[in-house]
Amino acid sequence: MKEELMLGNEVVYISVGRMIDYKRPLNVIRFFAEIKKRTGNSKLIFIGDGDLYEAVQNEITSLKLTDSVILIKQVNFKDIPAYYSAADYFISACETEAFGLVCLEALACEAVPLVPWKGAFPEIFLDRIFSYDIDRISDIPDRHQLLSHREGILNRFRWTDKIALYHRLYIEKAK
């Protein structure tokens, strides 16, 4: 996938989601702009479409990120893991995320999530090391340090463990 997207040795960030207000796609662009100022050698793959697509394009242009952002409106669902695997980090800006599945999918493909400490994210990640504050952006933690938490997080959300729990809860409630 990296070759297909003409990516070289850049640090690659990805964001996947609908470009609608509550997903905060403009904050993804603003956060990436701050990252770019600090690291220079970075690219963002932004997959999504929606009401704010044009506003996202305008924000990219106004922040002079045109050469650093790859906008893709739609990708086949089966191809998403290849995009995640091409990335080093995953960015979400949604402050009301209910489930966080997209972040877990990205993490499973070794794209380390960077998320606001709101919505479902504190419950998923347990450690603020994965979070950022859009108003006070600090340095991005080392990817390998973040990946050291990967298995522990993913193990808490494995279906094989949860099916028996859900079945037991269902039986208890059905009585």
Protein backbone atom coordinates (compact mmCIF):
# COMPACT_ATOMS: atom_id res chain seq x y z
CA MET A 1 0.00 0.00 0.00
CA LYS A 2 2.87 2.41 0.77
CA GLU A 3 4.11 2.10 -2.80
CA GLU A 4 0.60 2.59 -4.17
CA LEU A 5 0.29 5.83 -2.20
CA MET A 6 3.84 6.86 -3.12
CA LEU A 7 4.93 6.97 0.50
CA GLY A 8 8.61 6.83 1.29
CA ASN A 9 10.26 7.09 4.67
CA GLU A 10 7.75 9.58 6.11
CA VAL A 11 6.01 9.01 9.41
CA VAL A 12 2.50 8.20 8.23
CA TYR A 13 -0.67 9.19 10.06
CA ILE A 14 -4.13 8.00 9.09
CA SER A 15 -7.65 9.07 9.95
CA VAL A 16 -10.74 7.19 8.81
CA GLY A 17 -14.26 8.45 9.34
CA ARG A 18 -17.16 10.47 8.13
CA MET A 19 -16.38 14.13 7.65
CA ILE A 20 -19.24 15.44 9.73
CA ASP A 21 -19.24 17.94 12.57
CA TYR A 22 -19.29 15.60 15.58
CA LYS A 23 -16.33 13.60 14.19
CA ARG A 24 -14.31 16.86 14.16
CA PRO A 25 -12.39 16.31 10.89
CA LEU A 26 -11.05 19.88 10.93
CA ASN A 27 -9.37 19.11 14.25
CA VAL A 28 -7.67 16.11 12.63
CA ILE A 29 -6.17 18.49 10.07
CA ARG A 30 -5.19 21.04 12.73
CA PHE A 31 -3.60 18.36 14.91
CA PHE A 32 -1.69 17.01 11.93
CA ALA A 33 -0.52 20.55 11.09
CA GLU A 34 1.01 20.79 14.57
CA ILE A 35 2.64 17.39 14.14
CA LYS A 36 4.04 18.49 10.78
CA LYS A 37 5.55 21.63 12.34
CA ARG A 38 7.38 19.49 14.90
CA THR A 39 8.49 16.54 12.79
CA GLY A 40 8.49 17.78 9.22
CA ASN A 41 8.74 14.38 7.57
CA SER A 42 5.08 13.34 7.91
CA LYS A 43 2.11 12.46 5.72
CA LEU A 44 -1.57 12.10 6.54
CA ILE A 45 -3.90 9.68 4.78
CA PHE A 46 -7.45 10.91 5.42
CA ILE A 47 -10.20 8.53 4.31
CA GLY A 48 -13.77 9.76 4.45
CA ASP A 49 -16.51 11.82 2.93
CA GLY A 50 -19.36 13.92 4.24
CA ASP A 51 -20.76 17.41 4.71
CA LEU A 52 -17.39 18.85 5.73
CA TYR A 53 -15.30 17.35 2.91
CA GLU A 54 -14.93 20.70 1.14
CA ALA A 55 -14.15 22.48 4.44
CA VAL A 56 -11.45 19.85 5.09
CA GLN A 57 -9.97 20.50 1.63
CA ASN A 58 -9.99 24.26 2.35
CA GLU A 59 -8.34 23.77 5.75
CA ILE A 60 -5.62 21.64 4.16
CA THR A 61 -4.98 24.38 1.61
CA SER A 62 -5.04 27.22 4.14
CA LEU A 63 -2.55 25.39 6.39
CA LYS A 64 -0.31 24.69 3.36
CA LEU A 65 -0.58 20.92 3.78
CA THR A 66 -1.60 20.05 0.23
CA ASP A 67 1.59 18.04 -0.41
CA SER A 68 1.35 16.30 2.96
CA VAL A 69 -2.27 15.07 2.99
CA ILE A 70 -3.73 12.31 0.83
CA LEU A 71 -7.51 12.64 0.75
CA ILE A 72 -9.47 9.54 -0.23
CA LYS A 73 -13.26 9.74 -0.26
CA GLN A 74 -14.03 6.03 -0.18
CA VAL A 75 -12.21 2.72 0.24
CA ASN A 76 -13.59 -0.80 0.07
CA PHE A 77 -14.06 -2.13 3.59
CA LYS A 78 -11.84 -5.15 2.89
CA ASP A 79 -8.97 -2.82 1.94
CA ILE A 80 -9.01 -0.74 5.14
CA PRO A 81 -6.52 -2.98 7.02
CA ALA A 82 -3.92 -2.39 4.29
CA TYR A 83 -4.29 1.36 4.77
CA TYR A 84 -3.98 1.03 8.55
CA SER A 85 -0.91 -1.15 8.10
CA ALA A 86 0.71 1.52 5.91
CA ALA A 87 0.40 4.02 8.78
CA ASP A 88 2.42 4.52 11.94
CA TYR A 89 -0.28 6.42 13.84
CA PHE A 90 -4.08 6.75 13.72
CA ILE A 91 -5.69 10.10 14.56
CA SER A 92 -9.23 10.54 15.84
CA ALA A 93 -10.61 13.91 16.88
CA CYS A 94 -14.09 12.72 17.82
CA GLU A 95 -14.94 13.77 21.37
CA THR A 96 -18.17 11.76 21.55
CA GLU A 97 -16.96 8.39 20.24
CA ALA A 98 -19.32 5.75 21.61
CA PHE A 99 -17.42 2.55 20.80
CA GLY A 100 -13.98 3.32 19.37
CA LEU A 101 -13.92 0.28 17.11
CA VAL A 102 -12.06 2.10 14.34
CA CYS A 103 -9.23 2.88 16.79
CA LEU A 104 -9.06 -0.74 17.90
CA GLU A 105 -8.97 -1.86 14.26
CA ALA A 106 -6.12 0.55 13.58
CA LEU A 107 -4.24 -0.62 16.67
CA ALA A 108 -4.68 -4.25 15.59
CA CYS A 109 -2.88 -3.24 12.37
CA GLU A 110 -0.15 -1.46 14.39
CA ALA A 111 -1.29 2.08 13.62
CA VAL A 112 -1.04 3.59 17.10
CA PRO A 113 -4.09 5.69 18.05
CA LEU A 114 -3.82 9.32 19.12
CA VAL A 115 -7.19 10.37 20.54
CA PRO A 116 -8.88 13.05 22.65
CA TRP A 117 -9.41 11.92 26.25
CA LYS A 118 -13.19 11.93 25.88
CA GLY A 119 -16.03 9.64 24.87
CA ALA A 120 -15.16 5.93 24.91
CA PHE A 121 -11.41 6.49 24.64
CA PRO A 122 -10.55 6.60 28.37
CA GLU A 123 -12.35 3.27 28.84
CA ILE A 124 -10.53 1.71 25.89
CA PHE A 125 -7.00 2.96 26.43
CA LEU A 126 -6.93 3.46 30.23
CA ASP A 127 -3.73 5.50 29.91
CA ARG A 128 -3.59 9.13 28.83
CA ILE A 129 -0.39 8.39 26.90
CA PHE A 130 -2.61 7.81 23.85
CA SER A 131 -4.44 11.13 24.21
CA TYR A 132 -3.87 14.68 23.09
CA ASP A 133 -5.47 18.02 23.88
CA ILE A 134 -6.18 19.95 20.67
CA ASP A 135 -5.69 23.23 22.57
CA ARG A 136 -2.33 22.24 24.13
CA ILE A 137 -0.56 19.84 21.82
CA SER A 138 2.63 18.39 23.22
CA ASP A 139 5.11 16.02 21.67
CA ILE A 140 3.84 12.76 20.23
CA PRO A 141 4.90 9.78 22.36
CA ASP A 142 7.33 7.32 20.84
CA ARG A 143 5.49 4.79 18.67
CA HIS A 144 7.33 1.82 20.19
CA GLN A 145 6.41 2.98 23.68
CA LEU A 146 2.75 3.13 22.65
CA LEU A 147 2.92 -0.24 20.88
CA SER A 148 4.13 -1.82 24.12
CA HIS A 149 0.53 -1.38 25.39
CA ARG A 150 -1.01 -2.90 22.23
CA GLU A 151 -1.56 -6.51 23.29
CA GLY A 152 -2.97 -5.57 26.68
CA ILE A 153 -5.53 -3.28 25.08
CA LEU A 154 -6.50 -5.67 22.30
CA ASN A 155 -6.77 -8.62 24.71
CA ARG A 156 -9.45 -6.76 26.66
CA PHE A 157 -11.63 -6.61 23.53
CA ARG A 158 -11.28 -10.07 21.97
CA TRP A 159 -14.62 -11.55 20.84
CA THR A 160 -13.71 -15.02 22.06
CA ASP A 161 -13.58 -13.67 25.60
CA LYS A 162 -16.66 -11.50 25.29
CA ILE A 163 -19.08 -13.97 23.69
CA ALA A 164 -19.30 -16.11 26.84
CA LEU A 165 -19.80 -12.98 28.96
CA TYR A 166 -22.55 -11.63 26.67
CA HIS A 167 -24.22 -15.03 26.60
CA ARG A 168 -24.20 -15.26 30.40
CA LEU A 169 -25.61 -11.73 30.75
CA TYR A 170 -28.31 -12.48 28.16
CA ILE A 171 -29.37 -15.65 29.98
CA GLU A 172 -29.49 -13.80 33.31
CA LYS A 173 -31.68 -11.04 31.87
CA ALA A 174 -33.92 -13.47 29.96
CA LYS A 175 -34.92 -15.32 33.15
